[in-house]
Amino acid sequence: MNAVVNIVVQGALLGALYGLFALGQSLVFGVMRLTNTAHGDFIVLFAFVLFALTGAHVPLVIAIPVAFVVAFAAGYALQFAILNRVSGRDPLPSLIVTFGLSIVIQNVLQQIFSADPRSLSTGGFEALSVTLPGGIAIGYLPLVTFAVTVALTFVLQWLFGRTPLGRALRATSDDREIVQLMGVSHRRMYALAMGIAFVLIAAAATLYAMRTAVSPSDGPALLLYAFEAVIIGGMGSFWGTFAGGVVLGVAQQAGFAFDPGWGIWFGHVLFLAVLVARPQGLFPKTA
């Protein structure tokens, strides 16, 4: 029984990180119907931004807010200057552009930083844990990741459901031509959405780089986890995205318990099973 509880607990903690990977992707697709194939590479990029800042002897407590500001500005500028030109009813142009960005990011990072993996130093915090009754050990960093993901999911749901900005973003998603007639620029709304998504990406990059070593080629794998979490959870709900990440994490943890080489494969099998049996996801938006 303890083994099952341990799988669920550790899987939920791992899945919270996957949910954080997926929140930015869910936001961008929900507002702009844009599938960002460079999403995972942007996570890696901002991890390396943090490596560069801390390597220049900037304290981590200062480097993280700086990275968030840079992320928002970069996301806003990228959408306003480039992606707005290819956003439309046809998804192919945006797929091609973001795929090209993915290749560029990977190669530039390898040229500048080499292919060697590295991680953020947290002074040993990543190794600290608390032991629950039954011998279940829970790391402090995974707990922080879980809490951050829950908090960000709550903030996003509140932002889109209860604020004028959220209503403007949802209206732009529904019909950008009507929104323009109301005096709202859909280009600026899209840029704001991408800026917020990039802040989420920077948060994911921070916690990911604290948890494990990051290399320039990790982006496609992170994109896959994010995409699977969104599909498993169901489109249209940030809480569904979070739940999809948790379900994916539990599936992987069950695979790891069965055989160390089967964890990732179990997650992929679950994703395919959900896609076949329930294409709308396990927790689709109902209203």
Protein backbone atom coordinates (compact mmCIF):
# COMPACT_ATOMS: atom_id res chain seq x y z
CA MET A 1 0.00 0.00 0.00
CA ASN A 2 2.84 2.40 0.84
CA ALA A 3 4.32 1.70 -2.59
CA VAL A 4 1.10 2.78 -4.31
CA VAL A 5 0.84 5.92 -2.18
CA ASN A 6 4.47 6.72 -2.95
CA ILE A 7 3.84 6.35 -6.70
CA VAL A 8 0.86 8.70 -6.54
CA VAL A 9 2.64 11.29 -4.38
CA GLN A 10 5.87 11.32 -6.36
CA GLY A 11 3.94 11.24 -9.63
CA ALA A 12 1.79 14.20 -8.60
CA LEU A 13 4.90 16.19 -7.66
CA LEU A 14 6.55 15.35 -10.99
CA GLY A 15 3.31 16.07 -12.83
CA ALA A 16 3.13 19.53 -11.29
CA LEU A 17 6.31 20.39 -13.19
CA TYR A 18 4.77 19.05 -16.40
CA GLY A 19 1.66 21.10 -15.69
CA LEU A 20 3.85 24.19 -15.34
CA PHE A 21 5.51 23.35 -18.68
CA ALA A 22 2.04 23.16 -20.22
CA LEU A 23 0.41 26.31 -18.80
CA GLY A 24 2.13 28.65 -21.26
CA GLN A 25 1.30 26.39 -24.18
CA SER A 26 -2.33 26.18 -23.07
CA LEU A 27 -2.58 29.96 -22.77
CA VAL A 28 -1.09 30.61 -26.22
CA PHE A 29 -3.27 28.04 -27.92
CA GLY A 30 -6.38 29.20 -26.06
CA VAL A 31 -5.98 32.87 -27.00
CA MET A 32 -4.34 32.71 -30.43
CA ARG A 33 -4.95 29.13 -31.58
CA LEU A 34 -1.18 29.04 -32.10
CA THR A 35 0.78 25.84 -31.53
CA ASN A 36 4.23 26.99 -30.48
CA THR A 37 6.59 24.19 -31.52
CA ALA A 38 9.49 26.12 -29.96
CA HIS A 39 7.82 26.10 -26.53
CA GLY A 40 10.24 23.58 -25.01
CA ASP A 41 13.23 25.36 -26.52
CA PHE A 42 12.12 28.63 -24.94
CA ILE A 43 12.07 26.87 -21.56
CA VAL A 44 15.65 25.74 -22.20
CA LEU A 45 16.60 29.22 -23.46
CA PHE A 46 15.49 30.93 -20.25
CA ALA A 47 17.22 28.28 -18.18
CA PHE A 48 20.43 29.29 -19.97
CA VAL A 49 19.62 32.96 -19.42
CA LEU A 50 19.64 32.14 -15.71
CA PHE A 51 22.90 30.21 -16.10
CA ALA A 52 24.44 33.25 -17.80
CA LEU A 53 23.23 35.63 -15.08
CA THR A 54 24.39 33.47 -12.20
CA GLY A 55 27.65 32.79 -14.06
CA ALA A 56 28.17 36.56 -14.11
CA HIS A 57 27.87 36.47 -10.29
CA VAL A 58 24.33 37.86 -10.19
CA PRO A 59 22.63 36.41 -7.07
CA LEU A 60 19.88 33.94 -7.86
CA VAL A 61 17.27 36.01 -5.98
CA ILE A 62 18.02 38.89 -8.36
CA ALA A 63 18.58 36.77 -11.48
CA ILE A 64 15.10 35.21 -11.32
CA PRO A 65 13.11 38.51 -11.35
CA VAL A 66 15.42 39.85 -14.07
CA ALA A 67 14.75 36.72 -16.15
CA PHE A 68 11.00 37.20 -15.68
CA VAL A 69 11.15 40.80 -16.89
CA VAL A 70 13.29 39.76 -19.87
CA ALA A 71 10.84 36.92 -20.59
CA PHE A 72 7.79 39.18 -20.67
CA ALA A 73 9.54 41.71 -22.91
CA ALA A 74 10.84 38.97 -25.23
CA GLY A 75 7.44 37.30 -25.51
CA TYR A 76 5.67 40.58 -26.20
CA ALA A 77 8.24 41.62 -28.83
CA LEU A 78 8.29 38.20 -30.51
CA GLN A 79 4.53 38.10 -30.90
CA PHE A 80 4.12 41.75 -31.89
CA ALA A 81 6.98 41.85 -34.39
CA ILE A 82 6.99 38.34 -35.86
CA LEU A 83 4.23 35.94 -34.87
CA ASN A 84 1.39 38.42 -35.44
CA ARG A 85 2.38 38.38 -39.09
CA VAL A 86 1.72 34.65 -39.37
CA SER A 87 -1.17 34.24 -36.90
CA GLY A 88 -4.43 33.47 -38.63
CA ARG A 89 -6.86 30.77 -39.57
CA ASP A 90 -4.16 28.75 -41.31
CA PRO A 91 -1.92 27.17 -38.61
CA LEU A 92 0.86 26.18 -41.03
CA PRO A 93 2.78 29.51 -41.20
CA SER A 94 3.06 29.77 -37.40
CA LEU A 95 4.12 26.13 -37.16
CA ILE A 96 6.89 26.72 -39.70
CA VAL A 97 8.11 29.91 -38.00
CA THR A 98 8.18 28.42 -34.49
CA PHE A 99 9.85 25.25 -35.82
CA GLY A 100 12.54 27.45 -37.35
CA LEU A 101 12.95 29.29 -34.03
CA SER A 102 13.36 25.92 -32.32
CA ILE A 103 16.25 24.97 -34.59
CA VAL A 104 17.89 28.38 -34.21
CA ILE A 105 17.66 28.34 -30.40
CA GLN A 106 19.16 24.87 -30.12
CA ASN A 107 22.08 25.66 -32.40
CA VAL A 108 22.83 29.08 -30.90
CA LEU A 109 22.83 27.66 -27.37
CA GLN A 110 25.18 24.87 -28.41
CA GLN A 111 27.53 27.35 -30.07
CA ILE A 112 27.61 29.65 -27.04
CA PHE A 113 27.39 27.22 -24.11
CA SER A 114 28.43 23.90 -25.73
CA ALA A 115 26.28 20.76 -25.48
CA ASP A 116 27.25 20.10 -21.85
CA PRO A 117 24.31 19.91 -19.41
CA ARG A 118 24.29 22.21 -16.39
CA SER A 119 21.98 23.12 -13.53
CA LEU A 120 21.25 25.99 -11.16
CA SER A 121 22.97 25.84 -7.80
CA THR A 122 20.51 26.16 -4.91
CA GLY A 123 22.97 25.59 -2.09
CA GLY A 124 21.80 22.03 -1.53
CA PHE A 125 18.09 22.91 -1.32
CA GLU A 126 17.30 20.48 -4.15
CA ALA A 127 18.55 17.58 -1.98
CA LEU A 128 16.47 18.42 1.14
CA SER A 129 13.40 16.34 1.90
CA VAL A 130 10.88 15.50 4.59
CA THR A 131 9.90 11.92 5.46
CA LEU A 132 6.21 11.19 5.99
CA PRO A 133 4.77 8.28 7.99
CA GLY A 134 5.31 5.08 6.06
CA GLY A 135 8.77 6.13 4.90
CA ILE A 136 7.61 8.29 1.99
CA ALA A 137 10.24 10.98 1.32
CA ILE A 138 9.10 14.22 -0.29
CA GLY A 139 11.66 16.69 -1.58
CA TYR A 140 11.31 20.35 -0.66
CA LEU A 141 11.95 21.48 -4.25
CA PRO A 142 9.15 19.29 -5.71
CA LEU A 143 6.84 20.63 -2.99
CA VAL A 144 7.77 24.21 -3.94
CA THR A 145 7.18 23.34 -7.61
CA PHE A 146 3.74 21.92 -6.79
CA ALA A 147 2.81 25.02 -4.77
CA VAL A 148 4.04 27.40 -7.49
CA THR A 149 2.11 25.54 -10.20
CA VAL A 150 -1.10 25.55 -8.16
CA ALA A 151 -0.67 29.27 -7.41
CA LEU A 152 0.02 30.18 -11.05
CA THR A 153 -2.92 28.07 -12.25
CA PHE A 154 -5.21 29.84 -9.77
CA VAL A 155 -3.91 33.26 -10.86
CA LEU A 156 -4.42 32.46 -14.54
CA GLN A 157 -7.94 31.16 -13.98
CA TRP A 158 -8.75 34.29 -11.97
CA LEU A 159 -7.12 36.57 -14.56
CA PHE A 160 -9.13 35.13 -17.44
CA GLY A 161 -12.36 34.72 -15.52
CA ARG A 162 -12.60 37.81 -13.32
CA THR A 163 -10.60 40.71 -14.78
CA PRO A 164 -11.17 43.15 -17.69
CA LEU A 165 -7.88 42.04 -19.25
CA GLY A 166 -8.97 38.42 -19.13
CA ARG A 167 -12.33 39.26 -20.68
CA ALA A 168 -10.55 41.19 -23.44
CA LEU A 169 -8.24 38.25 -24.10
CA ARG A 170 -11.17 35.82 -24.24
CA ALA A 171 -13.12 38.13 -26.53
CA THR A 172 -10.09 38.43 -28.83
CA SER A 173 -9.85 34.66 -28.92
CA ASP A 174 -13.55 34.33 -29.82
CA ASP A 175 -13.71 36.96 -32.56
CA ARG A 176 -10.84 39.34 -33.17
CA GLU A 177 -12.72 41.28 -35.87
CA ILE A 178 -15.52 42.21 -33.46
CA VAL A 179 -12.96 43.16 -30.82
CA GLN A 180 -11.30 45.53 -33.29
CA LEU A 181 -14.64 47.24 -33.85
CA MET A 182 -14.77 47.84 -30.08
CA GLY A 183 -11.42 49.67 -30.24
CA VAL A 184 -9.24 46.86 -28.90
CA SER A 185 -6.12 45.95 -30.85
CA HIS A 186 -5.96 42.18 -31.29
CA ARG A 187 -2.24 42.50 -32.05
CA ARG A 188 -1.59 44.02 -28.62
CA MET A 189 -3.83 41.45 -26.93
CA TYR A 190 -1.92 38.63 -28.62
CA ALA A 191 1.39 40.23 -27.62
CA LEU A 192 0.23 40.55 -24.00
CA ALA A 193 -0.84 36.90 -23.98
CA MET A 194 2.54 35.81 -25.31
CA GLY A 195 4.31 38.00 -22.74
CA ILE A 196 2.36 36.31 -19.94
CA ALA A 197 3.09 32.90 -21.48
CA PHE A 198 6.80 33.70 -21.52
CA VAL A 199 6.70 34.58 -17.80
CA LEU A 200 5.21 31.11 -17.21
CA ILE A 201 7.96 29.67 -19.39
CA ALA A 202 10.59 31.48 -17.29
CA ALA A 203 9.04 30.08 -14.10
CA ALA A 204 9.12 26.58 -15.57
CA ALA A 205 12.72 27.08 -16.68
CA THR A 206 13.76 28.20 -13.19
CA LEU A 207 12.29 25.20 -11.38
CA TYR A 208 13.39 22.75 -14.07
CA ALA A 209 16.98 23.99 -13.95
CA MET A 210 16.97 23.69 -10.15
CA ARG A 211 15.65 20.14 -10.34
CA THR A 212 17.92 18.62 -12.97
CA ALA A 213 20.70 19.31 -15.46
CA VAL A 214 19.64 21.09 -18.66
CA SER A 215 21.24 20.77 -22.09
CA PRO A 216 20.49 22.78 -25.27
CA SER A 217 18.83 19.78 -26.92
CA ASP A 218 16.20 19.20 -24.20
CA GLY A 219 13.56 21.40 -25.84
CA PRO A 220 11.68 18.84 -27.98
CA ALA A 221 11.21 16.48 -25.00
CA LEU A 222 9.83 19.32 -22.86
CA LEU A 223 7.49 20.34 -25.69
CA LEU A 224 6.20 16.76 -25.84
CA TYR A 225 5.47 16.65 -22.09
CA ALA A 226 3.68 20.01 -22.29
CA PHE A 227 1.66 18.92 -25.31
CA GLU A 228 0.69 15.62 -23.66
CA ALA A 229 -0.38 17.37 -20.45
CA VAL A 230 -2.62 19.78 -22.40
CA ILE A 231 -4.23 16.98 -24.44
CA ILE A 232 -4.72 14.64 -21.46
CA GLY A 233 -6.25 17.40 -19.35
CA GLY A 234 -8.44 18.82 -22.08
CA MET A 235 -8.37 22.15 -23.91
CA GLY A 236 -9.91 25.27 -22.46
CA SER A 237 -9.14 25.01 -18.75
CA PHE A 238 -5.96 25.85 -16.86
CA TRP A 239 -7.00 23.50 -14.06
CA GLY A 240 -7.51 20.80 -16.68
CA THR A 241 -3.97 21.42 -17.93
CA PHE A 242 -2.63 21.13 -14.38
CA ALA A 243 -4.60 17.90 -13.84
CA GLY A 244 -3.31 16.53 -17.14
CA GLY A 245 0.26 17.13 -16.00
CA VAL A 246 -0.41 15.33 -12.72
CA VAL A 247 -1.98 12.35 -14.49
CA LEU A 248 1.00 12.18 -16.86
CA GLY A 249 3.42 12.33 -13.92
CA VAL A 250 1.64 9.55 -12.03
CA ALA A 251 1.66 7.36 -15.16
CA GLN A 252 5.39 7.90 -15.60
CA GLN A 253 6.07 7.21 -11.93
CA ALA A 254 4.11 3.95 -12.19
CA GLY A 255 6.26 2.99 -15.15
CA PHE A 256 9.45 3.81 -13.25
CA ALA A 257 8.28 1.61 -10.37
CA PHE A 258 7.61 -1.25 -12.76
CA ASP A 259 10.93 -0.87 -14.61
CA PRO A 260 13.34 2.13 -14.60
CA GLY A 261 13.38 2.18 -18.39
CA TRP A 262 9.62 2.18 -18.83
CA GLY A 263 8.57 5.40 -17.09
CA ILE A 264 8.53 7.77 -20.07
CA TRP A 265 7.01 5.05 -22.25
CA PHE A 266 4.09 4.58 -19.81
CA GLY A 267 3.34 8.28 -20.09
CA HIS A 268 3.30 8.12 -23.89
CA VAL A 269 1.01 5.07 -23.82
CA LEU A 270 -1.42 6.88 -21.52
CA PHE A 271 -1.39 9.90 -23.83
CA LEU A 272 -2.22 7.74 -26.85
CA ALA A 273 -4.95 5.91 -24.92
CA VAL A 274 -6.61 9.19 -23.92
CA LEU A 275 -6.28 10.52 -27.46
CA VAL A 276 -8.06 7.44 -28.84
CA ALA A 277 -10.69 6.93 -26.13
CA ARG A 278 -11.43 10.55 -25.16
CA PRO A 279 -10.01 13.05 -27.69
CA GLN A 280 -11.50 16.00 -25.80
CA GLY A 281 -9.34 15.11 -22.77
CA LEU A 282 -10.18 13.91 -19.29
CA PHE A 283 -11.22 17.29 -17.92
CA PRO A 284 -12.48 19.44 -20.82
CA LYS A 285 -14.00 22.84 -20.24
CA THR A 286 -17.72 22.48 -19.87
CA ALA A 287 -18.81 26.09 -19.96
